[in-house]
């Protein structure tokens, strides 16, 4: 995977609250990699992304 994307994923995962499990981190990285290099159905990516909760309070 592109180093910039890998860095962005690390920053995003490290910023999540509550902290994601190692299993989630591994599977989410793999999903992102597959979505970037494979022809996965849009609905598959959407289902996993719906599992992500992001606290945006206080962000501009």
N, C-alpha and C. Protein backbone atom coordinates (compact mmCIF):
# COMPACT_ATOMS: atom_id res chain seq x y z
N UNK A 1 0.85 -1.18 0.00
CA UNK A 1 0.00 0.00 0.00
C UNK A 1 0.90 1.24 0.00
N UNK A 2 0.40 2.29 -0.58
CA UNK A 2 1.12 3.56 -0.64
C UNK A 2 1.51 4.02 0.76
N UNK A 3 2.75 4.46 0.97
CA UNK A 3 3.20 4.88 2.30
C UNK A 3 2.37 6.03 2.90
N UNK A 4 1.92 6.96 2.06
CA UNK A 4 1.09 8.06 2.56
C UNK A 4 -0.25 7.57 3.08
N UNK A 5 -0.82 6.61 2.37
CA UNK A 5 -2.09 6.03 2.82
C UNK A 5 -1.88 5.24 4.10
N UNK A 6 -0.79 4.51 4.17
CA UNK A 6 -0.47 3.74 5.38
C UNK A 6 -0.32 4.67 6.58
N UNK A 7 0.36 5.80 6.38
CA UNK A 7 0.53 6.78 7.45
C UNK A 7 -0.80 7.37 7.87
N UNK A 8 -1.63 7.71 6.89
CA UNK A 8 -2.96 8.27 7.19
C UNK A 8 -3.82 7.28 7.97
N UNK A 9 -3.75 6.01 7.60
CA UNK A 9 -4.50 4.99 8.34
C UNK A 9 -4.02 4.89 9.78
N UNK A 10 -2.71 4.91 9.97
CA UNK A 10 -2.15 4.83 11.32
C UNK A 10 -2.60 6.00 12.16
N UNK A 11 -2.52 7.20 11.61
CA UNK A 11 -2.96 8.40 12.34
C UNK A 11 -4.44 8.31 12.67
N UNK A 12 -5.26 7.91 11.70
CA UNK A 12 -6.71 7.82 11.92
C UNK A 12 -7.03 6.78 12.99
N UNK A 13 -6.41 5.63 12.91
CA UNK A 13 -6.69 4.57 13.89
C UNK A 13 -6.19 4.96 15.28
N UNK A 14 -5.05 5.63 15.35
CA UNK A 14 -4.51 6.06 16.64
C UNK A 14 -5.37 7.15 17.28
N UNK A 15 -6.13 7.87 16.46
CA UNK A 15 -6.95 8.98 16.95
C UNK A 15 -8.36 8.54 17.35
N UNK A 16 -8.70 7.30 17.09
CA UNK A 16 -10.06 6.83 17.39
C UNK A 16 -10.28 6.68 18.88
N UNK A 17 -11.51 6.98 19.27
CA UNK A 17 -11.89 6.80 20.67
C UNK A 17 -13.27 6.16 20.68
N UNK A 18 -13.42 5.03 21.34
CA UNK A 18 -12.41 4.29 22.07
C UNK A 18 -11.39 3.66 21.12
N UNK A 19 -10.25 3.33 21.67
CA UNK A 19 -9.17 2.76 20.87
C UNK A 19 -9.62 1.45 20.24
N UNK A 20 -9.43 1.30 18.93
CA UNK A 20 -9.86 0.07 18.27
C UNK A 20 -8.98 -1.12 18.66
N UNK A 21 -9.58 -2.30 18.60
CA UNK A 21 -8.83 -3.51 18.91
C UNK A 21 -7.82 -3.80 17.81
N UNK A 22 -6.85 -4.63 18.12
CA UNK A 22 -5.85 -5.02 17.12
C UNK A 22 -6.52 -5.76 15.97
N UNK A 23 -7.54 -6.56 16.28
CA UNK A 23 -8.28 -7.27 15.24
C UNK A 23 -8.94 -6.28 14.28
N UNK A 24 -9.57 -5.23 14.83
CA UNK A 24 -10.20 -4.22 13.98
C UNK A 24 -9.15 -3.52 13.13
N UNK A 25 -8.03 -3.14 13.75
CA UNK A 25 -6.97 -2.45 13.02
C UNK A 25 -6.50 -3.30 11.84
N UNK A 26 -6.26 -4.56 12.08
CA UNK A 26 -5.76 -5.47 11.05
C UNK A 26 -6.79 -5.61 9.92
N UNK A 27 -8.04 -5.84 10.30
CA UNK A 27 -9.07 -6.06 9.29
C UNK A 27 -9.40 -4.79 8.52
N UNK A 28 -9.38 -3.63 9.20
CA UNK A 28 -9.66 -2.38 8.53
C UNK A 28 -8.57 -2.03 7.53
N UNK A 29 -7.31 -2.24 7.91
CA UNK A 29 -6.19 -2.01 7.00
C UNK A 29 -6.31 -2.91 5.77
N UNK A 30 -6.65 -4.17 6.00
CA UNK A 30 -6.79 -5.11 4.89
C UNK A 30 -7.95 -4.71 3.99
N UNK A 31 -9.05 -4.26 4.58
CA UNK A 31 -10.19 -3.81 3.80
C UNK A 31 -9.79 -2.62 2.93
N UNK A 32 -9.10 -1.65 3.51
CA UNK A 32 -8.66 -0.48 2.75
C UNK A 32 -7.74 -0.89 1.61
N UNK A 33 -6.82 -1.78 1.92
CA UNK A 33 -5.89 -2.26 0.89
C UNK A 33 -6.66 -2.95 -0.24
N UNK A 34 -7.59 -3.81 0.13
CA UNK A 34 -8.38 -4.52 -0.89
C UNK A 34 -9.24 -3.56 -1.71
N UNK A 35 -9.80 -2.56 -1.05
CA UNK A 35 -10.64 -1.60 -1.74
C UNK A 35 -9.83 -0.79 -2.75
N UNK A 36 -8.57 -0.54 -2.42
CA UNK A 36 -7.71 0.25 -3.31
C UNK A 36 -7.16 -0.56 -4.48
N UNK A 37 -6.95 -1.85 -4.28
CA UNK A 37 -6.29 -2.64 -5.33
C UNK A 37 -7.19 -3.68 -5.98
N UNK A 38 -8.39 -3.86 -5.46
CA UNK A 38 -9.27 -4.90 -5.98
C UNK A 38 -10.61 -4.31 -6.40
N UNK A 39 -11.44 -5.13 -6.95
CA UNK A 39 -12.77 -4.72 -7.36
C UNK A 39 -13.80 -5.24 -6.36
N UNK A 40 -13.76 -4.72 -5.16
CA UNK A 40 -14.74 -5.12 -4.15
C UNK A 40 -16.01 -4.33 -4.34
N UNK A 41 -17.10 -4.97 -4.01
CA UNK A 41 -18.40 -4.30 -4.11
C UNK A 41 -18.45 -3.12 -3.16
N UNK A 42 -19.01 -2.04 -3.63
CA UNK A 42 -19.12 -0.83 -2.82
C UNK A 42 -19.85 -1.11 -1.51
N UNK A 43 -20.83 -1.98 -1.54
CA UNK A 43 -21.61 -2.27 -0.34
C UNK A 43 -20.76 -2.93 0.74
N UNK A 44 -19.76 -3.74 0.35
CA UNK A 44 -18.87 -4.37 1.33
C UNK A 44 -18.07 -3.33 2.09
N UNK A 45 -17.51 -2.39 1.36
CA UNK A 45 -16.74 -1.31 1.98
C UNK A 45 -17.66 -0.49 2.88
N UNK A 46 -18.82 -0.16 2.40
CA UNK A 46 -19.77 0.65 3.17
C UNK A 46 -20.15 -0.05 4.48
N UNK A 47 -20.38 -1.36 4.44
CA UNK A 47 -20.77 -2.10 5.66
C UNK A 47 -19.70 -2.00 6.73
N UNK A 48 -18.44 -2.13 6.35
CA UNK A 48 -17.35 -2.05 7.33
C UNK A 48 -17.21 -0.62 7.83
N UNK A 49 -17.27 0.35 6.93
CA UNK A 49 -17.12 1.74 7.35
C UNK A 49 -18.24 2.17 8.29
N UNK A 50 -19.43 1.58 8.15
CA UNK A 50 -20.53 1.90 9.05
C UNK A 50 -20.24 1.45 10.48
N UNK A 51 -19.30 0.53 10.65
CA UNK A 51 -18.93 0.06 11.98
C UNK A 51 -18.02 1.05 12.71
N UNK A 52 -17.46 1.99 11.97
CA UNK A 52 -16.54 2.97 12.54
C UNK A 52 -17.33 4.11 13.15
N UNK A 53 -17.04 4.42 14.42
CA UNK A 53 -17.64 5.54 15.09
C UNK A 53 -16.58 6.59 15.29
N UNK A 54 -16.85 7.80 14.82
CA UNK A 54 -15.87 8.88 14.94
C UNK A 54 -16.48 10.00 15.77
N UNK A 55 -15.75 10.43 16.78
CA UNK A 55 -16.19 11.54 17.61
C UNK A 55 -15.72 12.83 16.97
N UNK A 56 -16.66 13.59 16.42
CA UNK A 56 -16.31 14.83 15.73
C UNK A 56 -16.58 16.05 16.58
N UNK A 57 -16.98 15.87 17.82
CA UNK A 57 -17.26 17.00 18.69
C UNK A 57 -16.01 17.85 18.88
N UNK A 58 -16.15 19.15 18.71
CA UNK A 58 -15.03 20.04 18.91
C UNK A 58 -14.22 20.27 17.65
N UNK A 59 -14.52 19.54 16.56
CA UNK A 59 -13.80 19.74 15.31
C UNK A 59 -14.49 20.81 14.50
N UNK A 60 -13.72 21.57 13.74
CA UNK A 60 -14.27 22.62 12.89
C UNK A 60 -14.63 22.10 11.54
